[in-house]
Amino acid sequence: SKWTKILTCEVVKPSGLPLGQENNADAAAGAAGFTFDFDEDTPPYRYLRIKCLQNWIGSYFIVIQNMNVWGTN
């Protein structure tokens, strides 16, 4: 209840196939990764919470292999 939503992100499957189906373009896009940028005027925060509402197979889990966050002190 005390979290502040600072960004909403959506990744669209390149193939447009239904949930649970994918092709090589989808696999390549997933392997390449995704970038999300915060607005420059976003105030500083100590913690980030990431919530996945739905993935490409219709579930809710995500795998983060690398995450870089830049900011100011």
N, C-alpha and C. Protein backbone atom coordinates (compact mmCIF):
# COMPACT_ATOMS: atom_id res chain seq x y z
N SER A 1 0.82 -1.21 0.00
CA SER A 1 0.00 0.00 0.00
C SER A 1 0.85 1.26 0.00
N LYS A 2 2.14 1.12 0.30
CA LYS A 2 3.00 2.30 0.33
C LYS A 2 3.92 2.39 -0.87
N TRP A 3 3.70 1.54 -1.87
CA TRP A 3 4.51 1.60 -3.08
C TRP A 3 3.98 2.69 -3.99
N THR A 4 4.88 3.34 -4.72
CA THR A 4 4.50 4.36 -5.70
C THR A 4 4.81 3.82 -7.09
N LYS A 5 3.80 3.78 -7.93
CA LYS A 5 4.00 3.30 -9.30
C LYS A 5 4.73 4.37 -10.09
N ILE A 6 5.90 4.03 -10.63
CA ILE A 6 6.68 5.01 -11.37
C ILE A 6 6.83 4.68 -12.85
N LEU A 7 6.43 3.48 -13.25
CA LEU A 7 6.58 3.10 -14.64
C LEU A 7 5.70 1.90 -14.96
N THR A 8 5.08 1.92 -16.12
CA THR A 8 4.34 0.78 -16.65
C THR A 8 5.00 0.38 -17.96
N CYS A 9 5.32 -0.88 -18.10
CA CYS A 9 6.02 -1.37 -19.29
C CYS A 9 5.22 -2.50 -19.93
N GLU A 10 5.32 -2.57 -21.25
CA GLU A 10 4.69 -3.66 -21.97
C GLU A 10 5.64 -4.11 -23.08
N VAL A 11 5.82 -5.41 -23.19
CA VAL A 11 6.64 -5.98 -24.25
C VAL A 11 5.69 -6.79 -25.13
N VAL A 12 5.63 -6.44 -26.40
CA VAL A 12 4.74 -7.12 -27.34
C VAL A 12 5.55 -8.15 -28.12
N LYS A 13 5.02 -9.36 -28.21
CA LYS A 13 5.70 -10.41 -28.96
C LYS A 13 5.80 -10.02 -30.43
N PRO A 14 6.99 -10.12 -31.02
CA PRO A 14 7.14 -9.78 -32.44
C PRO A 14 6.23 -10.60 -33.35
N SER A 15 5.98 -11.86 -33.01
CA SER A 15 5.19 -12.72 -33.88
C SER A 15 3.70 -12.43 -33.81
N GLY A 16 3.25 -11.91 -32.69
CA GLY A 16 1.82 -11.71 -32.51
C GLY A 16 1.05 -12.99 -32.25
N LEU A 17 1.77 -14.09 -32.07
CA LEU A 17 1.12 -15.39 -31.81
C LEU A 17 0.41 -15.36 -30.46
N PRO A 18 -0.59 -16.23 -30.26
CA PRO A 18 -1.30 -16.29 -28.99
C PRO A 18 -0.39 -16.73 -27.84
N LEU A 19 -0.86 -16.50 -26.62
CA LEU A 19 -0.13 -16.92 -25.43
C LEU A 19 0.21 -18.40 -25.51
N GLY A 20 1.43 -18.74 -25.12
CA GLY A 20 1.86 -20.13 -25.11
C GLY A 20 2.49 -20.59 -26.42
N GLN A 21 2.42 -19.76 -27.45
CA GLN A 21 3.04 -20.10 -28.73
C GLN A 21 4.10 -19.07 -29.05
N GLU A 22 5.21 -19.50 -29.61
CA GLU A 22 6.25 -18.55 -30.01
C GLU A 22 7.00 -19.09 -31.22
N ASN A 23 7.68 -18.19 -31.89
CA ASN A 23 8.52 -18.59 -33.02
C ASN A 23 9.94 -18.06 -32.80
N ASN A 24 10.79 -18.19 -33.80
CA ASN A 24 12.18 -17.78 -33.66
C ASN A 24 12.32 -16.28 -33.39
N ALA A 25 11.45 -15.45 -33.97
CA ALA A 25 11.52 -14.00 -33.73
C ALA A 25 11.24 -13.68 -32.26
N ASP A 26 10.30 -14.38 -31.66
CA ASP A 26 10.00 -14.18 -30.24
C ASP A 26 11.18 -14.59 -29.37
N ALA A 27 11.76 -15.75 -29.68
CA ALA A 27 12.91 -16.24 -28.92
C ALA A 27 14.09 -15.29 -29.04
N ALA A 28 14.33 -14.76 -30.24
CA ALA A 28 15.44 -13.82 -30.44
C ALA A 28 15.20 -12.52 -29.68
N ALA A 29 13.97 -12.04 -29.69
CA ALA A 29 13.65 -10.81 -28.95
C ALA A 29 13.85 -11.01 -27.46
N GLY A 30 13.41 -12.14 -26.93
CA GLY A 30 13.60 -12.43 -25.52
C GLY A 30 15.07 -12.55 -25.15
N ALA A 31 15.86 -13.18 -26.00
CA ALA A 31 17.29 -13.34 -25.73
C ALA A 31 18.02 -12.01 -25.80
N ALA A 32 17.56 -11.10 -26.67
CA ALA A 32 18.21 -9.79 -26.80
C ALA A 32 17.93 -8.91 -25.60
N GLY A 33 16.81 -9.12 -24.94
CA GLY A 33 16.47 -8.34 -23.76
C GLY A 33 15.66 -7.10 -24.11
N PHE A 34 15.27 -6.39 -23.07
CA PHE A 34 14.41 -5.23 -23.23
C PHE A 34 14.93 -4.09 -22.38
N THR A 35 14.70 -2.88 -22.82
CA THR A 35 15.14 -1.70 -22.10
C THR A 35 13.93 -0.84 -21.76
N PHE A 36 13.87 -0.37 -20.53
CA PHE A 36 12.81 0.52 -20.10
C PHE A 36 13.46 1.74 -19.46
N ASP A 37 13.03 2.91 -19.84
CA ASP A 37 13.61 4.14 -19.33
C ASP A 37 12.61 4.88 -18.45
N PHE A 38 13.09 5.34 -17.30
CA PHE A 38 12.28 6.17 -16.43
C PHE A 38 12.34 7.61 -16.92
N ASP A 39 11.30 8.39 -16.63
CA ASP A 39 11.33 9.81 -16.95
C ASP A 39 12.45 10.48 -16.18
N GLU A 40 13.04 11.49 -16.77
CA GLU A 40 14.15 12.19 -16.12
C GLU A 40 13.74 12.86 -14.81
N ASP A 41 12.48 13.23 -14.70
CA ASP A 41 12.03 13.91 -13.48
C ASP A 41 11.50 12.95 -12.41
N THR A 42 11.74 11.65 -12.58
CA THR A 42 11.34 10.67 -11.56
C THR A 42 12.15 10.91 -10.30
N PRO A 43 11.49 11.08 -9.15
CA PRO A 43 12.23 11.31 -7.91
C PRO A 43 13.05 10.08 -7.52
N PRO A 44 14.05 10.25 -6.68
CA PRO A 44 14.86 9.10 -6.26
C PRO A 44 14.08 8.16 -5.34
N TYR A 45 14.38 6.87 -5.47
CA TYR A 45 13.78 5.84 -4.63
C TYR A 45 14.87 4.92 -4.14
N ARG A 46 14.66 4.32 -3.00
CA ARG A 46 15.63 3.39 -2.44
C ARG A 46 15.42 1.99 -2.99
N TYR A 47 14.19 1.58 -3.22
CA TYR A 47 13.87 0.23 -3.66
C TYR A 47 13.04 0.27 -4.93
N LEU A 48 13.23 -0.74 -5.76
CA LEU A 48 12.39 -0.94 -6.94
C LEU A 48 11.68 -2.28 -6.79
N ARG A 49 10.41 -2.29 -7.03
CA ARG A 49 9.65 -3.54 -7.03
C ARG A 49 9.16 -3.76 -8.46
N ILE A 50 9.37 -4.95 -8.97
CA ILE A 50 8.95 -5.29 -10.32
C ILE A 50 7.82 -6.31 -10.21
N LYS A 51 6.73 -6.02 -10.87
CA LYS A 51 5.57 -6.90 -10.82
C LYS A 51 5.18 -7.29 -12.24
N CYS A 52 5.21 -8.56 -12.53
CA CYS A 52 4.83 -9.07 -13.84
C CYS A 52 3.37 -9.51 -13.79
N LEU A 53 2.54 -8.92 -14.63
CA LEU A 53 1.13 -9.27 -14.66
C LEU A 53 0.85 -10.46 -15.56
N GLN A 54 1.64 -10.58 -16.64
CA GLN A 54 1.46 -11.72 -17.53
C GLN A 54 2.67 -11.82 -18.46
N ASN A 55 3.15 -13.04 -18.67
CA ASN A 55 4.26 -13.23 -19.60
C ASN A 55 3.75 -13.85 -20.90
N TRP A 56 4.65 -14.19 -21.78
CA TRP A 56 4.27 -14.68 -23.11
C TRP A 56 3.66 -16.06 -23.11
N ILE A 57 3.74 -16.78 -22.00
CA ILE A 57 3.08 -18.09 -21.94
C ILE A 57 1.80 -18.03 -21.10
N GLY A 58 1.43 -16.83 -20.67
CA GLY A 58 0.20 -16.67 -19.91
C GLY A 58 0.37 -16.81 -18.42
N SER A 59 1.59 -16.94 -17.94
CA SER A 59 1.87 -17.04 -16.52
C SER A 59 2.29 -15.66 -16.00
N TYR A 60 2.95 -15.60 -14.87
CA TYR A 60 3.32 -14.32 -14.27
C TYR A 60 4.80 -14.23 -13.87
N PHE A 61 5.56 -15.29 -14.07
CA PHE A 61 6.95 -15.26 -13.62
C PHE A 61 7.85 -14.59 -14.66
N ILE A 62 8.97 -14.06 -14.18
CA ILE A 62 9.98 -13.47 -15.06
C ILE A 62 11.36 -13.93 -14.60
N VAL A 63 12.32 -13.87 -15.49
CA VAL A 63 13.70 -14.18 -15.17
C VAL A 63 14.52 -12.95 -15.51
N ILE A 64 15.19 -12.40 -14.52
CA ILE A 64 16.06 -11.24 -14.75
C ILE A 64 17.49 -11.74 -14.71
N GLN A 65 18.15 -11.70 -15.85
CA GLN A 65 19.53 -12.16 -15.90
C GLN A 65 20.52 -11.02 -15.68
N ASN A 66 20.11 -9.82 -16.03
CA ASN A 66 20.99 -8.67 -15.87
C ASN A 66 20.12 -7.45 -15.70
N MET A 67 20.43 -6.62 -14.72
CA MET A 67 19.66 -5.40 -14.50
C MET A 67 20.62 -4.29 -14.12
N ASN A 68 20.55 -3.21 -14.85
CA ASN A 68 21.37 -2.05 -14.55
C ASN A 68 20.46 -0.88 -14.22
N VAL A 69 20.74 -0.22 -13.12
CA VAL A 69 19.96 0.96 -12.71
C VAL A 69 20.96 2.08 -12.46
N TRP A 70 20.75 3.19 -13.13
CA TRP A 70 21.61 4.35 -12.94
C TRP A 70 20.80 5.45 -12.29
N GLY A 71 21.46 6.29 -11.54
CA GLY A 71 20.80 7.41 -10.91
C GLY A 71 21.80 8.31 -10.23
N THR A 72 21.28 9.15 -9.39
CA THR A 72 22.12 10.07 -8.63
C THR A 72 22.00 9.77 -7.16
N ASN A 73 22.97 10.19 -6.40
CA ASN A 73 22.93 9.99 -4.94
C ASN A 73 22.15 11.07 -4.28
